[in-house]
Amino acid sequence: NATGVVLHTNLGRAPLARAALEAIARVAQGYSTLEFDLDTGTRGS
């Protein structure tokens, strides 16, 4: 993006922070606690 429009809607708006990219990779490559409560072993939210 060489336009200088920081939040360019047509180009996807906000680029993500490195911490966000790393979080996506951690969650995407396997299973996660999306809807699972580790303390009770039951369905979470």
PDB file of all heavy atoms in Angstrom:
ATOM      1  N   ASN A   1       0.849  -1.187   0.000  1.00  0.00           N
ATOM      2  CA  ASN A   1       0.000   0.000   0.000  1.00  0.00           C
ATOM      3  C   ASN A   1       0.886   1.239   0.000  1.00  0.00           C
ATOM      4  O   ASN A   1       1.438   1.625   1.019  1.00  0.00           O
ATOM      5  CB  ASN A   1      -0.910  -0.009   1.229  1.00  0.00           C
ATOM      6  CG  ASN A   1      -1.744   1.256   1.347  1.00  0.00           C
ATOM      7  OD1 ASN A   1      -1.846   2.038   0.409  1.00  0.00           O
ATOM      8  ND2 ASN A   1      -2.345   1.451   2.511  1.00  0.00           N
ATOM      9  N   ALA A   2       1.024   1.862  -1.145  1.00  0.00           N
ATOM     10  CA  ALA A   2       1.842   3.073  -1.267  1.00  0.00           C
ATOM     11  C   ALA A   2       0.988   4.326  -1.360  1.00  0.00           C
ATOM     12  O   ALA A   2       1.484   5.397  -1.698  1.00  0.00           O
ATOM     13  CB  ALA A   2       2.750   2.965  -2.499  1.00  0.00           C
ATOM     14  N   THR A   3      -0.300   4.203  -1.047  1.00  0.00           N
ATOM     15  CA  THR A   3      -1.213   5.334  -1.201  1.00  0.00           C
ATOM     16  C   THR A   3      -1.116   6.341  -0.065  1.00  0.00           C
ATOM     17  O   THR A   3      -1.521   7.489  -0.222  1.00  0.00           O
ATOM     18  CB  THR A   3      -2.675   4.858  -1.270  1.00  0.00           C
ATOM     19  OG1 THR A   3      -3.039   4.277  -0.004  1.00  0.00           O
ATOM     20  CG2 THR A   3      -2.852   3.822  -2.373  1.00  0.00           C
ATOM     21  N   GLY A   4      -0.648   5.905   1.101  1.00  0.00           N
ATOM     22  CA  GLY A   4      -0.654   6.775   2.265  1.00  0.00           C
ATOM     23  C   GLY A   4      -1.990   6.807   2.980  1.00  0.00           C
ATOM     24  O   GLY A   4      -2.141   7.505   3.985  1.00  0.00           O
ATOM     25  N   VAL A   5      -2.985   6.047   2.493  1.00  0.00           N
ATOM     26  CA  VAL A   5      -4.262   5.904   3.193  1.00  0.00           C
ATOM     27  C   VAL A   5      -4.087   4.775   4.203  1.00  0.00           C
ATOM     28  O   VAL A   5      -4.000   3.607   3.836  1.00  0.00           O
ATOM     29  CB  VAL A   5      -5.412   5.583   2.217  1.00  0.00           C
ATOM     30  CG1 VAL A   5      -6.731   5.437   2.975  1.00  0.00           C
ATOM     31  CG2 VAL A   5      -5.518   6.670   1.157  1.00  0.00           C
ATOM     32  N   VAL A   6      -4.030   5.143   5.471  1.00  0.00           N
ATOM     33  CA  VAL A   6      -3.655   4.171   6.498  1.00  0.00           C
ATOM     34  C   VAL A   6      -4.711   3.085   6.652  1.00  0.00           C
ATOM     35  O   VAL A   6      -4.394   1.887   6.633  1.00  0.00           O
ATOM     36  CB  VAL A   6      -3.412   4.891   7.836  1.00  0.00           C
ATOM     37  CG1 VAL A   6      -3.049   3.885   8.928  1.00  0.00           C
ATOM     38  CG2 VAL A   6      -2.291   5.924   7.689  1.00  0.00           C
ATOM     39  N   LEU A   7      -5.965   3.478   6.832  1.00  0.00           N
ATOM     40  CA  LEU A   7      -7.056   2.499   6.943  1.00  0.00           C
ATOM     41  C   LEU A   7      -7.746   2.398   5.583  1.00  0.00           C
ATOM     42  O   LEU A   7      -8.830   2.930   5.388  1.00  0.00           O
ATOM     43  CB  LEU A   7      -8.046   2.932   8.020  1.00  0.00           C
ATOM     44  CG  LEU A   7      -7.609   2.713   9.461  1.00  0.00           C
ATOM     45  CD1 LEU A   7      -8.554   3.420  10.416  1.00  0.00           C
ATOM     46  CD2 LEU A   7      -7.552   1.230   9.784  1.00  0.00           C
ATOM     47  N   HIS A   8      -7.105   1.724   4.651  1.00  0.00           N
ATOM     48  CA  HIS A   8      -7.619   1.623   3.281  1.00  0.00           C
ATOM     49  C   HIS A   8      -8.607   0.467   3.228  1.00  0.00           C
ATOM     50  O   HIS A   8      -8.225  -0.704   3.240  1.00  0.00           O
ATOM     51  CB  HIS A   8      -6.461   1.390   2.313  1.00  0.00           C
ATOM     52  CG  HIS A   8      -6.776   1.733   0.889  1.00  0.00           C
ATOM     53  ND1 HIS A   8      -7.869   1.216   0.228  1.00  0.00           N
ATOM     54  CD2 HIS A   8      -6.147   2.553  -0.008  1.00  0.00           C
ATOM     55  CE1 HIS A   8      -7.895   1.679  -1.005  1.00  0.00           C
ATOM     56  NE2 HIS A   8      -6.876   2.499  -1.172  1.00  0.00           N
ATOM     57  N   THR A   9      -9.908   0.790   3.185  1.00  0.00           N
ATOM     58  CA  THR A   9     -10.946  -0.243   3.232  1.00  0.00           C
ATOM     59  C   THR A   9     -10.782  -1.258   2.106  1.00  0.00           C
ATOM     60  O   THR A   9     -10.926  -2.467   2.321  1.00  0.00           O
ATOM     61  CB  THR A   9     -12.340   0.400   3.164  1.00  0.00           C
ATOM     62  OG1 THR A   9     -12.509   1.247   4.304  1.00  0.00           O
ATOM     63  CG2 THR A   9     -13.432  -0.656   3.173  1.00  0.00           C
ATOM     64  N   ASN A  10     -10.481  -0.795   0.897  1.00  0.00           N
ATOM     65  CA  ASN A  10     -10.359  -1.708  -0.238  1.00  0.00           C
ATOM     66  C   ASN A  10      -9.134  -2.603  -0.138  1.00  0.00           C
ATOM     67  O   ASN A  10      -9.067  -3.647  -0.799  1.00  0.00           O
ATOM     68  CB  ASN A  10     -10.313  -0.921  -1.550  1.00  0.00           C
ATOM     69  CG  ASN A  10     -11.525  -0.029  -1.735  1.00  0.00           C
ATOM     70  OD1 ASN A  10     -11.402   1.159  -1.987  1.00  0.00           O
ATOM     71  ND2 ASN A  10     -12.722  -0.592  -1.575  1.00  0.00           N
ATOM     72  N   LEU A  11      -8.171  -2.201   0.666  1.00  0.00           N
ATOM     73  CA  LEU A  11      -6.948  -2.998   0.831  1.00  0.00           C
ATOM     74  C   LEU A  11      -6.926  -3.736   2.168  1.00  0.00           C
ATOM     75  O   LEU A  11      -5.871  -4.172   2.625  1.00  0.00           O
ATOM     76  CB  LEU A  11      -5.708  -2.103   0.696  1.00  0.00           C
ATOM     77  CG  LEU A  11      -5.567  -1.365  -0.644  1.00  0.00           C
ATOM     78  CD1 LEU A  11      -4.256  -0.585  -0.683  1.00  0.00           C
ATOM     79  CD2 LEU A  11      -5.657  -2.326  -1.821  1.00  0.00           C
ATOM     80  N   GLY A  12      -8.090  -3.862   2.819  1.00  0.00           N
ATOM     81  CA  GLY A  12      -8.161  -4.710   4.005  1.00  0.00           C
ATOM     82  C   GLY A  12      -8.066  -3.994   5.333  1.00  0.00           C
ATOM     83  O   GLY A  12      -7.953  -4.642   6.375  1.00  0.00           O
ATOM     84  N   ARG A  13      -8.091  -2.668   5.316  1.00  0.00           N
ATOM     85  CA  ARG A  13      -8.021  -1.882   6.550  1.00  0.00           C
ATOM     86  C   ARG A  13      -6.787  -2.223   7.374  1.00  0.00           C
ATOM     87  O   ARG A  13      -5.689  -2.219   6.850  1.00  0.00           O
ATOM     88  CB  ARG A  13      -9.313  -2.048   7.362  1.00  0.00           C
ATOM     89  CG  ARG A  13     -10.511  -1.331   6.753  1.00  0.00           C
ATOM     90  CD  ARG A  13     -11.705  -1.376   7.670  1.00  0.00           C
ATOM     91  NE  ARG A  13     -12.850  -0.710   7.051  1.00  0.00           N
ATOM     92  CZ  ARG A  13     -14.097  -0.953   7.365  1.00  0.00           C
ATOM     93  NH1 ARG A  13     -14.380  -1.830   8.311  1.00  0.00           N
ATOM     94  NH2 ARG A  13     -15.078  -0.307   6.771  1.00  0.00           N
ATOM     95  N   ALA A  14      -6.945  -2.527   8.669  1.00  0.00           N
ATOM     96  CA  ALA A  14      -5.800  -2.568   9.583  1.00  0.00           C
ATOM     97  C   ALA A  14      -4.910  -3.794   9.397  1.00  0.00           C
ATOM     98  O   ALA A  14      -5.382  -4.919   9.552  1.00  0.00           O
ATOM     99  CB  ALA A  14      -6.292  -2.514  11.028  1.00  0.00           C
ATOM    100  N   PRO A  15      -3.631  -3.595   9.079  1.00  0.00           N
ATOM    101  CA  PRO A  15      -2.684  -4.711   9.153  1.00  0.00           C
ATOM    102  C   PRO A  15      -2.550  -5.134  10.613  1.00  0.00           C
ATOM    103  O   PRO A  15      -2.610  -4.297  11.519  1.00  0.00           O
ATOM    104  CB  PRO A  15      -1.370  -4.108   8.635  1.00  0.00           C
ATOM    105  CG  PRO A  15      -1.755  -2.839   7.951  1.00  0.00           C
ATOM    106  CD  PRO A  15      -2.992  -2.348   8.637  1.00  0.00           C
ATOM    107  N   LEU A  16      -2.366  -6.408  10.851  1.00  0.00           N
ATOM    108  CA  LEU A  16      -2.333  -6.906  12.223  1.00  0.00           C
ATOM    109  C   LEU A  16      -0.948  -6.807  12.843  1.00  0.00           C
ATOM    110  O   LEU A  16       0.074  -6.901  12.155  1.00  0.00           O
ATOM    111  CB  LEU A  16      -2.799  -8.357  12.261  1.00  0.00           C
ATOM    112  CG  LEU A  16      -4.255  -8.598  11.856  1.00  0.00           C
ATOM    113  CD1 LEU A  16      -4.580 -10.084  11.901  1.00  0.00           C
ATOM    114  CD2 LEU A  16      -5.207  -7.818  12.734  1.00  0.00           C
ATOM    115  N   ALA A  17      -0.931  -6.657  14.164  1.00  0.00           N
ATOM    116  CA  ALA A  17       0.314  -6.636  14.914  1.00  0.00           C
ATOM    117  C   ALA A  17       0.943  -8.027  14.899  1.00  0.00           C
ATOM    118  O   ALA A  17       0.249  -9.038  14.716  1.00  0.00           O
ATOM    119  CB  ALA A  17       0.047  -6.200  16.357  1.00  0.00           C
ATOM    120  N   ARG A  18       2.252  -8.068  15.097  1.00  0.00           N
ATOM    121  CA  ARG A  18       2.942  -9.366  15.105  1.00  0.00           C
ATOM    122  C   ARG A  18       2.349 -10.293  16.166  1.00  0.00           C
ATOM    123  O   ARG A  18       2.191 -11.495  15.949  1.00  0.00           O
ATOM    124  CB  ARG A  18       4.436  -9.163  15.369  1.00  0.00           C
ATOM    125  CG  ARG A  18       5.249 -10.450  15.329  1.00  0.00           C
ATOM    126  CD  ARG A  18       6.734 -10.162  15.470  1.00  0.00           C
ATOM    127  NE  ARG A  18       7.202  -9.337  14.388  1.00  0.00           N
ATOM    128  CZ  ARG A  18       7.550  -9.797  13.189  1.00  0.00           C
ATOM    129  NH1 ARG A  18       7.449 -11.101  12.934  1.00  0.00           N
ATOM    130  NH2 ARG A  18       7.976  -8.990  12.249  1.00  0.00           N
ATOM    131  N   ALA A  19       1.993  -9.743  17.322  1.00  0.00           N
ATOM    132  CA  ALA A  19       1.411 -10.564  18.385  1.00  0.00           C
ATOM    133  C   ALA A  19       0.103 -11.192  17.928  1.00  0.00           C
ATOM    134  O   ALA A  19      -0.201 -12.344  18.276  1.00  0.00           O
ATOM    135  CB  ALA A  19       1.172  -9.705  19.629  1.00  0.00           C
ATOM    136  N   ALA A  20      -0.680 -10.466  17.136  1.00  0.00           N
ATOM    137  CA  ALA A  20      -1.936 -11.009  16.624  1.00  0.00           C
ATOM    138  C   ALA A  20      -1.684 -12.124  15.617  1.00  0.00           C
ATOM    139  O   ALA A  20      -2.385 -13.147  15.613  1.00  0.00           O
ATOM    140  CB  ALA A  20      -2.754  -9.889  15.986  1.00  0.00           C
ATOM    141  N   LEU A  21      -0.682 -11.938  14.763  1.00  0.00           N
ATOM    142  CA  LEU A  21      -0.347 -12.982  13.784  1.00  0.00           C
ATOM    143  C   LEU A  21       0.126 -14.256  14.474  1.00  0.00           C
ATOM    144  O   LEU A  21      -0.234 -15.372  14.081  1.00  0.00           O
ATOM    145  CB  LEU A  21       0.735 -12.467  12.832  1.00  0.00           C
ATOM    146  CG  LEU A  21       0.367 -11.248  11.986  1.00  0.00           C
ATOM    147  CD1 LEU A  21       1.562 -10.786  11.165  1.00  0.00           C
ATOM    148  CD2 LEU A  21      -0.806 -11.569  11.073  1.00  0.00           C
ATOM    149  N   GLU A  22       0.912 -14.084  15.507  1.00  0.00           N
ATOM    150  CA  GLU A  22       1.400 -15.246  16.254  1.00  0.00           C
ATOM    151  C   GLU A  22       0.255 -15.958  16.964  1.00  0.00           C
ATOM    152  O   GLU A  22       0.224 -17.191  17.040  1.00  0.00           O
ATOM    153  CB  GLU A  22       2.462 -14.798  17.261  1.00  0.00           C
ATOM    154  CG  GLU A  22       3.744 -14.315  16.595  1.00  0.00           C
ATOM    155  CD  GLU A  22       4.718 -13.677  17.582  1.00  0.00           C
ATOM    156  OE1 GLU A  22       4.316 -13.459  18.751  1.00  0.00           O
ATOM    157  OE2 GLU A  22       5.865 -13.399  17.188  1.00  0.00           O
ATOM    158  N   ALA A  23      -0.708 -15.186  17.471  1.00  0.00           N
ATOM    159  CA  ALA A  23      -1.858 -15.779  18.135  1.00  0.00           C
ATOM    160  C   ALA A  23      -2.706 -16.584  17.156  1.00  0.00           C
ATOM    161  O   ALA A  23      -3.186 -17.678  17.475  1.00  0.00           O
ATOM    162  CB  ALA A  23      -2.697 -14.687  18.793  1.00  0.00           C
ATOM    163  N   ILE A  24      -2.864 -16.060  15.942  1.00  0.00           N
ATOM    164  CA  ILE A  24      -3.621 -16.783  14.910  1.00  0.00           C
ATOM    165  C   ILE A  24      -2.935 -18.109  14.591  1.00  0.00           C
ATOM    166  O   ILE A  24      -3.585 -19.157  14.489  1.00  0.00           O
ATOM    167  CB  ILE A  24      -3.756 -15.927  13.645  1.00  0.00           C
ATOM    168  CG1 ILE A  24      -4.698 -14.755  13.885  1.00  0.00           C
ATOM    169  CG2 ILE A  24      -4.250 -16.769  12.465  1.00  0.00           C
ATOM    170  CD1 ILE A  24      -4.774 -13.772  12.739  1.00  0.00           C
ATOM    171  N   ALA A  25      -1.612 -18.066  14.419  1.00  0.00           N
ATOM    172  CA  ALA A  25      -0.870 -19.279  14.080  1.00  0.00           C
ATOM    173  C   ALA A  25      -1.002 -20.331  15.178  1.00  0.00           C
ATOM    174  O   ALA A  25      -1.184 -21.525  14.902  1.00  0.00           O
ATOM    175  CB  ALA A  25       0.600 -18.937  13.848  1.00  0.00           C
ATOM    176  N   ARG A  26      -0.924 -19.892  16.443  1.00  0.00           N
ATOM    177  CA  ARG A  26      -1.019 -20.846  17.556  1.00  0.00           C
ATOM    178  C   ARG A  26      -2.378 -21.542  17.565  1.00  0.00           C
ATOM    179  O   ARG A  26      -2.466 -22.752  17.779  1.00  0.00           O
ATOM    180  CB  ARG A  26      -0.807 -20.129  18.893  1.00  0.00           C
ATOM    181  CG  ARG A  26       0.626 -19.743  19.191  1.00  0.00           C
ATOM    182  CD  ARG A  26       0.789 -19.377  20.660  1.00  0.00           C
ATOM    183  NE  ARG A  26      -0.089 -18.302  21.075  1.00  0.00           N
ATOM    184  CZ  ARG A  26       0.218 -17.017  21.001  1.00  0.00           C
ATOM    185  NH1 ARG A  26       1.397 -16.652  20.506  1.00  0.00           N
ATOM    186  NH2 ARG A  26      -0.628 -16.095  21.405  1.00  0.00           N
ATOM    187  N   VAL A  27      -3.425 -20.770  17.337  1.00  0.00           N
ATOM    188  CA  VAL A  27      -4.769 -21.326  17.416  1.00  0.00           C
ATOM    189  C   VAL A  27      -5.132 -22.109  16.156  1.00  0.00           C
ATOM    190  O   VAL A  27      -5.833 -23.122  16.222  1.00  0.00           O
ATOM    191  CB  VAL A  27      -5.793 -20.188  17.656  1.00  0.00           C
ATOM    192  CG1 VAL A  27      -7.218 -20.683  17.456  1.00  0.00           C
ATOM    193  CG2 VAL A  27      -5.627 -19.629  19.064  1.00  0.00           C
ATOM    194  N   ALA A  28      -4.644 -21.670  14.997  1.00  0.00           N
ATOM    195  CA  ALA A  28      -5.047 -22.276  13.725  1.00  0.00           C
ATOM    196  C   ALA A  28      -4.416 -23.637  13.486  1.00  0.00           C
ATOM    197  O   ALA A  28      -4.993 -24.477  12.782  1.00  0.00           O
ATOM    198  CB  ALA A  28      -4.707 -21.336  12.576  1.00  0.00           C
ATOM    199  N   GLN A  29      -3.237 -23.881  14.053  1.00  0.00           N
ATOM    200  CA  GLN A  29      -2.515 -25.103  13.691  1.00  0.00           C
ATOM    201  C   GLN A  29      -2.967 -26.340  14.460  1.00  0.00           C
ATOM    202  O   GLN A  29      -2.485 -27.437  14.219  1.00  0.00           O
ATOM    203  CB  GLN A  29      -1.013 -24.900  13.906  1.00  0.00           C
ATOM    204  CG  GLN A  29      -0.606 -24.660  15.345  1.00  0.00           C
ATOM    205  CD  GLN A  29       0.862 -24.280  15.474  1.00  0.00           C
ATOM    206  OE1 GLN A  29       1.577 -24.201  14.478  1.00  0.00           O
ATOM    207  NE2 GLN A  29       1.316 -24.062  16.691  1.00  0.00           N
ATOM    208  N   GLY A  30      -3.904 -26.181  15.370  1.00  0.00           N
ATOM    209  CA  GLY A  30      -4.388 -27.346  16.118  1.00  0.00           C
ATOM    210  C   GLY A  30      -5.730 -27.061  16.754  1.00  0.00           C
ATOM    211  O   GLY A  30      -6.488 -26.205  16.299  1.00  0.00           O
ATOM    212  N   TYR A  31      -6.033 -27.777  17.809  1.00  0.00           N
ATOM    213  CA  TYR A  31      -7.268 -27.568  18.536  1.00  0.00           C
ATOM    214  C   TYR A  31      -7.081 -26.467  19.571  1.00  0.00           C
ATOM    215  O   TYR A  31      -5.954 -26.089  19.914  1.00  0.00           O
ATOM    216  CB  TYR A  31      -7.704 -28.867  19.211  1.00  0.00           C
ATOM    217  CG  TYR A  31      -7.962 -29.985  18.222  1.00  0.00           C
ATOM    218  CD1 TYR A  31      -7.033 -31.008  18.019  1.00  0.00           C
ATOM    219  CD2 TYR A  31      -9.144 -30.008  17.479  1.00  0.00           C
ATOM    220  CE1 TYR A  31      -7.267 -32.022  17.105  1.00  0.00           C
ATOM    221  CE2 TYR A  31      -9.385 -31.022  16.561  1.00  0.00           C
ATOM    222  CZ  TYR A  31      -8.447 -32.027  16.375  1.00  0.00           C
ATOM    223  OH  TYR A  31      -8.680 -33.014  15.471  1.00  0.00           O
ATOM    224  N   SER A  32      -8.199 -25.958  20.085  1.00  0.00           N
ATOM    225  CA  SER A  32      -8.121 -24.850  21.033  1.00  0.00           C
ATOM    226  C   SER A  32      -9.283 -24.914  22.024  1.00  0.00           C
ATOM    227  O   SER A  32     -10.179 -25.750  21.898  1.00  0.00           O
ATOM    228  CB  SER A  32      -8.176 -23.514  20.281  1.00  0.00           C
ATOM    229  OG  SER A  32      -9.448 -23.343  19.678  1.00  0.00           O
ATOM    230  N   THR A  33      -9.246 -24.030  22.991  1.00  0.00           N
ATOM    231  CA  THR A  33     -10.302 -23.968  24.010  1.00  0.00           C
ATOM    232  C   THR A  33     -11.406 -23.008  23.582  1.00  0.00           C
ATOM    233  O   THR A  33     -11.934 -22.250  24.401  1.00  0.00           O
ATOM    234  CB  THR A  33      -9.706 -23.506  25.359  1.00  0.00           C
ATOM    235  OG1 THR A  33      -9.072 -22.222  25.159  1.00  0.00           O
ATOM    236  CG2 THR A  33      -8.709 -24.500  25.893  1.00  0.00           C
ATOM    237  N   LEU A  34     -11.774 -23.041  22.309  1.00  0.00           N
ATOM    238  CA  LEU A  34     -12.763 -22.105  21.787  1.00  0.00           C
ATOM    239  C   LEU A  34     -14.054 -22.138  22.605  1.00  0.00           C
ATOM    240  O   LEU A  34     -14.571 -21.108  23.022  1.00  0.00           O
ATOM    241  CB  LEU A  34     -13.066 -22.413  20.321  1.00  0.00           C
ATOM    242  CG  LEU A  34     -14.122 -21.520  19.661  1.00  0.00           C
ATOM    243  CD1 LEU A  34     -13.668 -20.071  19.620  1.00  0.00           C
ATOM    244  CD2 LEU A  34     -14.438 -22.018  18.256  1.00  0.00           C
ATOM    245  N   GLU A  35     -14.577 -23.332  22.823  1.00  0.00           N
ATOM    246  CA  GLU A  35     -15.791 -23.484  23.619  1.00  0.00           C
ATOM    247  C   GLU A  35     -15.624 -24.647  24.590  1.00  0.00           C
ATOM    248  O   GLU A  35     -16.474 -25.548  24.687  1.00  0.00           O
ATOM    249  CB  GLU A  35     -17.009 -23.696  22.714  1.00  0.00           C
ATOM    250  CG  GLU A  35     -17.361 -22.484  21.863  1.00  0.00           C
ATOM    251  CD  GLU A  35     -18.622 -22.678  21.046  1.00  0.00           C
ATOM    252  OE1 GLU A  35     -19.173 -23.804  21.052  1.00  0.00           O
ATOM    253  OE2 GLU A  35     -19.076 -21.713  20.399  1.00  0.00           O
ATOM    254  N   PHE A  36     -14.506 -24.628  25.334  1.00  0.00           N
ATOM    255  CA  PHE A  36     -14.230 -25.705  26.278  1.00  0.00           C
ATOM    256  C   PHE A  36     -13.635 -25.115  27.544  1.00  0.00           C
ATOM    257  O   PHE A  36     -12.703 -24.305  27.499  1.00  0.00           O
ATOM    258  CB  PHE A  36     -13.257 -26.715  25.666  1.00  0.00           C
ATOM    259  CG  PHE A  36     -13.056 -27.937  26.515  1.00  0.00           C
ATOM    260  CD1 PHE A  36     -14.009 -28.947  26.522  1.00  0.00           C
ATOM    261  CD2 PHE A  36     -11.930 -28.080  27.306  1.00  0.00           C
ATOM    262  CE1 PHE A  36     -13.832 -30.075  27.310  1.00  0.00           C
ATOM    263  CE2 PHE A  36     -11.750 -29.200  28.094  1.00  0.00           C
ATOM    264  CZ  PHE A  36     -12.702 -30.213  28.089  1.00  0.00           C
ATOM    265  N   ASP A  37     -14.191 -25.514  28.683  1.00  0.00           N
ATOM    266  CA  ASP A  37     -13.735 -25.038  29.991  1.00  0.00           C
ATOM    267  C   ASP A  37     -12.776 -26.065  30.572  1.00  0.00           C
ATOM    268  O   ASP A  37     -13.180 -27.188  30.919  1.00  0.00           O
ATOM    269  CB  ASP A  37     -14.936 -24.839  30.917  1.00  0.00           C
ATOM    270  CG  ASP A  37     -14.557 -24.154  32.216  1.00  0.00           C
ATOM    271  OD1 ASP A  37     -13.506 -24.491  32.785  1.00  0.00           O
ATOM    272  OD2 ASP A  37     -15.323 -23.283  32.671  1.00  0.00           O
ATOM    273  N   LEU A  38     -11.518 -25.704  30.673  1.00  0.00           N
ATOM    274  CA  LEU A  38     -10.504 -26.640  31.166  1.00  0.00           C
ATOM    275  C   LEU A  38     -10.721 -26.993  32.631  1.00  0.00           C
ATOM    276  O   LEU A  38     -10.411 -28.118  33.058  1.00  0.00           O
ATOM    277  CB  LEU A  38      -9.109 -26.042  30.967  1.00  0.00           C
ATOM    278  CG  LEU A  38      -8.635 -25.887  29.524  1.00  0.00           C
ATOM    279  CD1 LEU A  38      -7.297 -25.160  29.486  1.00  0.00           C
ATOM    280  CD2 LEU A  38      -8.514 -27.240  28.843  1.00  0.00           C
ATOM    281  N   ASP A  39     -11.234 -26.069  33.428  1.00  0.00           N
ATOM    282  CA  ASP A  39     -11.434 -26.330  34.857  1.00  0.00           C
ATOM    283  C   ASP A  39     -12.505 -27.378  35.098  1.00  0.00           C
ATOM    284  O   ASP A  39     -12.348 -28.262  35.950  1.00  0.00           O
ATOM    285  CB  ASP A  39     -11.809 -25.039  35.586  1.00  0.00           C
ATOM    286  CG  ASP A  39     -10.659 -24.046  35.636  1.00  0.00           C
ATOM    287  OD1 ASP A  39      -9.494 -24.505  35.596  1.00  0.00           O
ATOM    288  OD2 ASP A  39     -10.913 -22.836  35.709  1.00  0.00           O
ATOM    289  N   THR A  40     -13.597 -27.306  34.369  1.00  0.00           N
ATOM    290  CA  THR A  40     -14.706 -28.229  34.596  1.00  0.00           C
ATOM    291  C   THR A  40     -14.736 -29.391  33.619  1.00  0.00           C
ATOM    292  O   THR A  40     -15.413 -30.393  33.858  1.00  0.00           O
ATOM    293  CB  THR A  40     -16.043 -27.479  34.492  1.00  0.00           C
ATOM    294  OG1 THR A  40     -16.195 -26.982  33.149  1.00  0.00           O
ATOM    295  CG2 THR A  40     -16.080 -26.309  35.474  1.00  0.00           C
ATOM    296  N   GLY A  41     -14.004 -29.248  32.507  1.00  0.00           N
ATOM    297  CA  GLY A  41     -14.040 -30.287  31.486  1.00  0.00           C
ATOM    298  C   GLY A  41     -15.345 -30.319  30.726  1.00  0.00           C
ATOM    299  O   GLY A  41     -15.676 -31.322  30.093  1.00  0.00           O
ATOM    300  N   THR A  42     -16.092 -29.222  30.783  1.00  0.00           N
ATOM    301  CA  THR A  42     -17.377 -29.149  30.095  1.00  0.00           C
ATOM    302  C   THR A  42     -17.357 -28.043  29.053  1.00  0.00           C
ATOM    303  O   THR A  42     -16.371 -27.311  28.927  1.00  0.00           O
ATOM    304  CB  THR A  42     -18.516 -28.878  31.096  1.00  0.00           C
ATOM    305  OG1 THR A  42     -18.249 -27.639  31.767  1.00  0.00           O
ATOM    306  CG2 THR A  42     -18.617 -30.005  32.115  1.00  0.00           C
ATOM    307  N   ARG A  43     -18.479 -27.923  28.343  1.00  0.00           N
ATOM    308  CA  ARG A  43     -18.567 -26.915  27.304  1.00  0.00           C
ATOM    309  C   ARG A  43     -18.459 -25.510  27.892  1.00  0.00           C
ATOM    310  O   ARG A  43     -19.069 -25.194  28.902  1.00  0.00           O
ATOM    311  CB  ARG A  43     -19.891 -27.047  26.545  1.00  0.00           C
ATOM    312  CG  ARG A  43     -20.052 -26.006  25.440  1.00  0.00           C
ATOM    313  CD  ARG A  43     -21.207 -26.325  24.530  1.00  0.00           C
ATOM    314  NE  ARG A  43     -21.291 -25.351  23.439  1.00  0.00           N
ATOM    315  CZ  ARG A  43     -21.976 -25.559  22.331  1.00  0.00           C
ATOM    316  NH1 ARG A  43     -22.636 -26.692  22.157  1.00  0.00           N
ATOM    317  NH2 ARG A  43     -22.008 -24.638  21.375  1.00  0.00           N
ATOM    318  N   GLY A  44     -17.663 -24.666  27.226  1.00  0.00           N
ATOM    319  CA  GLY A  44     -17.534 -23.279  27.636  1.00  0.00           C
ATOM    320  C   GLY A  44     -18.180 -22.362  26.616  1.00  0.00           C
ATOM    321  O   GLY A  44     -18.960 -22.810  25.769  1.00  0.00           O
ATOM    322  N   SER A  45     -17.858 -21.088  26.694  1.00  0.00           N
ATOM    323  CA  SER A  45     -18.438 -20.107  25.773  1.00  0.00           C
ATOM    324  C   SER A  45     -17.331 -19.324  25.086  1.00  0.00           C
ATOM    325  O   SER A  45     -16.381 -18.871  25.732  1.00  0.00           O
ATOM    326  CB  SER A  45     -19.347 -19.135  26.532  1.00  0.00           C
ATOM    327  OG  SER A  45     -19.741 -18.060  25.705  1.00  0.00           O
TER     328      SER A  45
END
